[in-house]
Amino acid sequence: MNMNRRANLIATGVFIAAVVGIILLSPRNRQRVQSAFLGIVAPFLRRGSEVDSRWKSYKAGLKKLDELEWDNQRLKVENDNLRATNQALRGFEADNIRMKSALGYHGNSPFSLVPARVIGRSPSNWWSTVVIDKGTEDLIQREMPVVTHDGLVGKVVTVDEQSSIVLLVSDENCKVAGSVEATKEQGIVRVEVRGKRTSNNIQPTMTLNFLSRFAPLHPGQKVFTSGAGNVYPPGILIGEIVEFKSRELDGQAVIDPSVDIAALADVFVITGMKGSTSNH
């Protein structure tokens, strides 16, 4: 304890003596002492200032990064909104074009038509049937043909008061009598199912069978309903030929359907001919 006390007294005495010495120094000597002291502490002050400056710059950089990230997030949201709006506008434009085409077909068609909308479709029979929103209340009956402005869709097979089931031309059970434009060739349109029937992305192959073995047919020729069988009126477009095959007993043409069966939305049911007093 005595040694610590003595050390403290000595340190205090030295400090007091240094202060008194500095005070008693002449102004010139005092400046020299201050200059020497400043030379000793200046590097530490400078380094401390640099650290403080770097810290402030770092904090400012973090703030700027936060602001940039927030701006980037806001711009991303705005861009997503613009893209969604653009897609919606494209959808409205496509619907508008489709409706104009449908209205034009409805007005110029020789048939009496009832417009309908597809309201049901099962993945398990995607290429077989659809449900439409018109039934007996709209004078819909079984066996009535169903079309779009692009061509043949199929025929009504089941009807209730407010809806009906349509058997699609892409179903293997839907047989259609067809004829090739600018020729006397006629046959039966059939469908060959390749792949799983439950798949909605594998379109069945449509063919026109029982043609002449050496029929002069070529890709691009159109196939229309012939009217045979009294189910489908003559002259409804079915599709166009993409390939002709001469087989052992007859000829067969592969057809590309004129209607996009996979994307049906609006259709027409043919209830009769315009000016006719009776329906189908």
Protein backbone atom coordinates (compact mmCIF):
# COMPACT_ATOMS: atom_id res chain seq x y z
CA MET A 1 0.00 0.00 0.00
CA ASN A 2 2.81 2.42 0.90
CA MET A 3 4.56 1.76 -2.42
CA ASN A 4 1.38 2.38 -4.45
CA ARG A 5 0.70 5.50 -2.48
CA ARG A 6 4.25 6.70 -3.02
CA ALA A 7 3.99 5.99 -6.78
CA ASN A 8 0.76 7.97 -7.01
CA LEU A 9 2.28 10.88 -5.13
CA ILE A 10 5.29 10.84 -7.43
CA ALA A 11 3.10 10.75 -10.57
CA THR A 12 0.97 13.60 -9.23
CA GLY A 13 4.03 15.62 -8.41
CA VAL A 14 5.53 15.07 -11.86
CA PHE A 15 2.25 16.11 -13.53
CA ILE A 16 2.01 19.27 -11.39
CA ALA A 17 5.64 20.09 -12.05
CA ALA A 18 5.11 19.62 -15.83
CA VAL A 19 2.07 21.90 -15.80
CA VAL A 20 3.89 24.54 -13.75
CA GLY A 21 6.90 24.19 -16.03
CA ILE A 22 4.78 24.73 -19.12
CA ILE A 23 3.09 27.74 -17.55
CA LEU A 24 6.46 29.26 -16.57
CA LEU A 25 7.93 28.70 -20.04
CA SER A 26 8.37 31.60 -22.31
CA PRO A 27 5.81 31.88 -25.13
CA ARG A 28 8.33 30.66 -27.70
CA ASN A 29 9.30 27.59 -25.67
CA ARG A 30 5.64 26.91 -24.90
CA GLN A 31 4.85 26.86 -28.67
CA ARG A 32 7.75 24.45 -29.17
CA VAL A 33 6.33 22.10 -26.55
CA GLN A 34 2.85 22.34 -28.02
CA SER A 35 4.26 21.70 -31.48
CA ALA A 36 6.12 18.62 -30.28
CA PHE A 37 3.00 17.33 -28.50
CA LEU A 38 0.93 17.95 -31.60
CA GLY A 39 3.48 16.06 -33.70
CA ILE A 40 3.08 13.07 -31.37
CA VAL A 41 -0.74 13.00 -31.27
CA ALA A 42 -1.41 14.16 -34.86
CA PRO A 43 -1.03 10.68 -36.46
CA PHE A 44 -3.51 9.26 -33.97
CA LEU A 45 -5.96 12.11 -34.59
CA ARG A 46 -5.55 11.69 -38.35
CA ARG A 47 -6.15 7.95 -38.17
CA GLY A 48 -9.17 8.46 -35.95
CA SER A 49 -10.56 10.99 -38.42
CA GLU A 50 -10.02 8.57 -41.32
CA VAL A 51 -11.79 5.77 -39.44
CA ASP A 52 -14.68 8.08 -38.62
CA SER A 53 -14.89 9.20 -42.26
CA ARG A 54 -14.83 5.63 -43.52
CA TRP A 55 -17.51 4.64 -41.04
CA LYS A 56 -19.74 7.51 -42.14
CA SER A 57 -19.14 6.58 -45.79
CA TYR A 58 -19.94 2.95 -45.00
CA LYS A 59 -23.18 3.93 -43.25
CA ALA A 60 -24.08 6.19 -46.19
CA GLY A 61 -23.33 3.32 -48.59
CA LEU A 62 -25.56 0.97 -46.62
CA LYS A 63 -28.33 3.52 -46.72
CA LYS A 64 -27.85 3.95 -50.44
CA LEU A 65 -27.91 0.18 -50.98
CA ASP A 66 -31.14 -0.05 -48.98
CA GLU A 67 -32.65 2.73 -51.08
CA LEU A 68 -31.49 1.09 -54.32
CA GLU A 69 -32.88 -2.27 -53.21
CA TRP A 70 -36.20 -0.68 -52.30
CA ASP A 71 -36.31 1.17 -55.65
CA ASN A 72 -35.45 -2.07 -57.46
CA GLN A 73 -38.23 -3.93 -55.62
CA ARG A 74 -40.71 -1.15 -56.40
CA LEU A 75 -39.73 -1.15 -60.08
CA LYS A 76 -40.06 -4.94 -60.19
CA VAL A 77 -43.59 -4.74 -58.78
CA GLU A 78 -44.51 -2.00 -61.25
CA ASN A 79 -43.04 -4.05 -64.11
CA ASP A 80 -45.03 -7.12 -63.04
CA ASN A 81 -48.18 -4.99 -62.89
CA LEU A 82 -47.51 -3.60 -66.37
CA ARG A 83 -46.90 -7.09 -67.77
CA ALA A 84 -50.10 -8.39 -66.19
CA THR A 85 -52.04 -5.42 -67.55
CA ASN A 86 -50.53 -5.96 -70.99
CA GLN A 87 -51.50 -9.64 -70.93
CA ALA A 88 -55.03 -8.71 -69.87
CA LEU A 89 -55.29 -6.18 -72.70
CA ARG A 90 -54.06 -8.80 -75.16
CA GLY A 91 -56.70 -11.17 -73.83
CA PHE A 92 -59.40 -8.52 -74.29
CA GLU A 93 -58.11 -7.83 -77.80
CA ALA A 94 -58.17 -11.53 -78.70
CA ASP A 95 -61.69 -11.88 -77.27
CA ASN A 96 -62.78 -8.80 -79.23
CA ILE A 97 -61.38 -10.18 -82.48
CA ARG A 98 -62.95 -13.57 -81.84
CA MET A 99 -66.33 -12.04 -81.04
CA LYS A 100 -66.24 -9.88 -84.17
CA SER A 101 -65.46 -12.95 -86.26
CA ALA A 102 -68.23 -14.90 -84.57
CA LEU A 103 -70.75 -12.09 -85.08
CA GLY A 104 -69.73 -11.83 -88.71
CA TYR A 105 -70.19 -15.57 -89.17
CA HIS A 106 -73.54 -15.46 -87.38
CA GLY A 107 -74.78 -12.71 -89.67
CA ASN A 108 -73.51 -14.20 -92.93
CA SER A 109 -74.18 -17.88 -92.26
CA PRO A 110 -77.01 -19.57 -94.21
CA PHE A 111 -77.86 -21.50 -91.04
CA SER A 112 -80.03 -20.59 -88.09
CA LEU A 113 -77.52 -20.51 -85.25
CA VAL A 114 -77.74 -20.50 -81.46
CA PRO A 115 -74.54 -19.10 -79.89
CA ALA A 116 -73.22 -21.08 -76.93
CA ARG A 117 -70.21 -21.09 -74.65
CA VAL A 118 -68.17 -24.07 -73.52
CA ILE A 119 -68.65 -24.38 -69.74
CA GLY A 120 -67.22 -27.81 -69.04
CA ARG A 121 -64.47 -30.11 -70.21
CA SER A 122 -62.99 -33.13 -68.48
CA PRO A 123 -59.26 -33.92 -68.73
CA SER A 124 -60.17 -37.60 -68.94
CA ASN A 125 -62.04 -37.08 -72.24
CA TRP A 126 -60.52 -33.81 -73.48
CA TRP A 127 -60.83 -34.77 -77.14
CA SER A 128 -64.23 -36.47 -76.77
CA THR A 129 -66.84 -34.08 -75.39
CA VAL A 130 -67.53 -30.59 -74.08
CA VAL A 131 -70.47 -29.13 -72.17
CA ILE A 132 -72.15 -26.01 -73.53
CA ASP A 133 -74.50 -23.57 -71.77
CA LYS A 134 -77.54 -24.04 -74.03
CA GLY A 135 -80.26 -26.71 -73.87
CA THR A 136 -83.91 -27.43 -74.62
CA GLU A 137 -84.91 -23.97 -73.37
CA ASP A 138 -82.97 -22.64 -76.38
CA LEU A 139 -84.52 -25.22 -78.77
CA ILE A 140 -81.39 -27.39 -78.77
CA GLN A 141 -81.95 -31.02 -79.75
CA ARG A 142 -79.88 -34.18 -80.09
CA GLU A 143 -77.93 -34.64 -83.34
CA MET A 144 -77.74 -30.92 -84.04
CA PRO A 145 -74.36 -29.93 -85.57
CA VAL A 146 -72.04 -27.63 -83.64
CA VAL A 147 -69.63 -25.29 -85.43
CA THR A 148 -67.43 -22.21 -85.07
CA HIS A 149 -66.61 -19.63 -87.73
CA ASP A 150 -63.57 -21.83 -88.50
CA GLY A 151 -65.50 -25.01 -89.21
CA LEU A 152 -67.00 -28.19 -87.76
CA VAL A 153 -66.84 -28.91 -84.01
CA GLY A 154 -69.14 -31.93 -83.61
CA LYS A 155 -72.75 -32.70 -82.74
CA VAL A 156 -75.09 -32.57 -79.72
CA VAL A 157 -75.54 -35.97 -78.09
CA THR A 158 -77.18 -35.18 -74.72
CA VAL A 159 -79.54 -32.32 -73.81
CA ASP A 160 -81.15 -30.98 -70.67
CA GLU A 161 -82.97 -27.69 -70.08
CA GLN A 162 -79.96 -25.37 -69.80
CA SER A 163 -76.96 -27.31 -71.06
CA SER A 164 -75.90 -29.91 -73.59
CA ILE A 165 -73.05 -32.34 -74.22
CA VAL A 166 -71.31 -32.08 -77.58
CA LEU A 167 -69.49 -35.05 -79.11
CA LEU A 168 -66.38 -33.59 -80.74
CA VAL A 169 -65.24 -34.36 -84.27
CA SER A 170 -61.93 -35.40 -82.67
CA ASP A 171 -63.59 -38.37 -80.91
CA GLU A 172 -63.17 -41.79 -82.54
CA ASN A 173 -66.92 -42.40 -82.25
CA CYS A 174 -67.81 -39.30 -84.28
CA LYS A 175 -68.06 -40.29 -87.96
CA VAL A 176 -68.50 -37.54 -90.53
CA ALA A 177 -69.08 -37.90 -94.28
CA GLY A 178 -66.65 -35.64 -96.09
CA SER A 179 -65.79 -34.58 -99.61
CA VAL A 180 -62.66 -33.03 -101.10
CA GLU A 181 -62.98 -29.65 -102.82
CA ALA A 182 -62.85 -29.54 -106.62
CA THR A 183 -63.02 -33.36 -106.84
CA LYS A 184 -65.61 -36.13 -106.74
CA GLU A 185 -63.75 -37.81 -103.91
CA GLN A 186 -65.84 -38.60 -100.84
CA GLY A 187 -65.15 -40.63 -97.73
CA ILE A 188 -65.64 -40.95 -94.00
CA VAL A 189 -63.70 -38.83 -91.55
CA ARG A 190 -62.40 -40.90 -88.68
CA VAL A 191 -60.04 -40.35 -85.80
CA GLU A 192 -57.15 -42.51 -84.70
CA VAL A 193 -56.17 -42.11 -81.06
CA ARG A 194 -52.43 -42.13 -80.46
CA GLY A 195 -51.18 -41.83 -76.91
CA LYS A 196 -53.31 -41.73 -73.78
CA ARG A 197 -56.87 -40.55 -74.22
CA THR A 198 -56.56 -38.69 -70.91
CA SER A 199 -53.80 -36.47 -72.26
CA ASN A 200 -55.00 -33.06 -73.44
CA ASN A 201 -51.80 -32.24 -75.32
CA ILE A 202 -51.79 -35.18 -77.73
CA GLN A 203 -54.15 -34.39 -80.57
CA PRO A 204 -55.67 -37.48 -82.23
CA THR A 205 -54.95 -38.05 -85.91
CA MET A 206 -57.91 -37.29 -88.20
CA THR A 207 -58.17 -39.13 -91.54
CA LEU A 208 -60.52 -39.24 -94.54
CA ASN A 209 -60.95 -42.89 -95.54
CA PHE A 210 -62.42 -44.94 -98.41
CA LEU A 211 -61.10 -42.62 -101.13
CA SER A 212 -60.07 -43.79 -104.56
CA ARG A 213 -56.79 -45.63 -104.36
CA PHE A 214 -55.06 -43.30 -106.82
CA ALA A 215 -57.05 -40.14 -106.13
CA PRO A 216 -55.20 -37.03 -107.40
CA LEU A 217 -55.16 -35.37 -103.98
CA HIS A 218 -52.47 -33.10 -102.60
CA PRO A 219 -51.68 -31.18 -99.38
CA GLY A 220 -53.68 -27.99 -98.93
CA GLN A 221 -56.95 -29.23 -100.45
CA LYS A 222 -59.91 -28.52 -98.21
CA VAL A 223 -62.32 -31.15 -96.90
CA PHE A 224 -65.98 -30.24 -96.33
CA THR A 225 -69.01 -32.10 -94.99
CA SER A 226 -70.76 -33.87 -97.87
CA GLY A 227 -74.24 -33.91 -96.33
CA ALA A 228 -74.54 -37.70 -96.49
CA GLY A 229 -76.26 -39.16 -93.45
CA ASN A 230 -78.45 -36.10 -92.89
CA VAL A 231 -76.65 -35.09 -89.68
CA TYR A 232 -74.29 -32.41 -90.95
CA PRO A 233 -75.37 -30.00 -93.69
CA PRO A 234 -73.08 -30.02 -96.75
CA GLY A 235 -70.36 -27.42 -97.10
CA ILE A 236 -69.08 -27.11 -93.52
CA LEU A 237 -65.29 -26.97 -93.46
CA ILE A 238 -63.68 -29.91 -91.65
CA GLY A 239 -60.01 -29.27 -92.39
CA GLU A 240 -57.39 -29.56 -95.09
CA ILE A 241 -55.30 -32.43 -96.41
CA VAL A 242 -51.71 -32.67 -95.19
CA GLU A 243 -50.87 -36.08 -96.67
CA PHE A 244 -52.38 -38.67 -99.03
CA LYS A 245 -51.63 -42.39 -98.81
CA SER A 246 -52.48 -44.98 -101.46
CA ARG A 247 -53.31 -48.21 -99.65
CA GLU A 248 -53.99 -51.75 -100.92
CA LEU A 249 -57.75 -51.30 -101.33
CA ASP A 250 -58.38 -47.56 -101.05
CA GLY A 251 -56.81 -44.17 -100.45
CA GLN A 252 -56.50 -42.32 -97.16
CA ALA A 253 -55.90 -38.62 -96.52
CA VAL A 254 -54.55 -37.23 -93.24
CA ILE A 255 -56.45 -34.06 -92.29
CA ASP A 256 -55.46 -31.05 -90.25
CA PRO A 257 -58.69 -29.89 -88.49
CA SER A 258 -59.76 -26.33 -89.25
CA VAL A 259 -60.98 -25.78 -85.68
CA ASP A 260 -58.60 -25.67 -82.75
CA ILE A 261 -60.40 -28.36 -80.77
CA ALA A 262 -58.03 -28.00 -77.82
CA ALA A 263 -59.02 -24.36 -77.18
CA LEU A 264 -62.77 -24.25 -77.74
CA ALA A 265 -64.57 -21.36 -76.06
CA ASP A 266 -67.47 -20.01 -78.18
CA VAL A 267 -69.48 -22.21 -80.53
CA PHE A 268 -72.73 -22.20 -82.52
CA VAL A 269 -75.42 -24.87 -82.65
CA ILE A 270 -77.07 -25.20 -86.05
CA THR A 271 -80.82 -25.45 -85.45
CA GLY A 272 -81.85 -25.31 -89.12
CA MET A 273 -81.59 -23.23 -92.27
CA LYS A 274 -82.47 -19.55 -92.33
CA GLY A 275 -85.98 -19.06 -93.58
CA SER A 276 -86.97 -22.64 -92.72
CA THR A 277 -90.14 -23.07 -90.67
CA SER A 278 -88.73 -26.07 -88.83
CA ASN A 279 -85.57 -26.66 -86.92
CA HIS A 280 -83.12 -29.43 -87.50
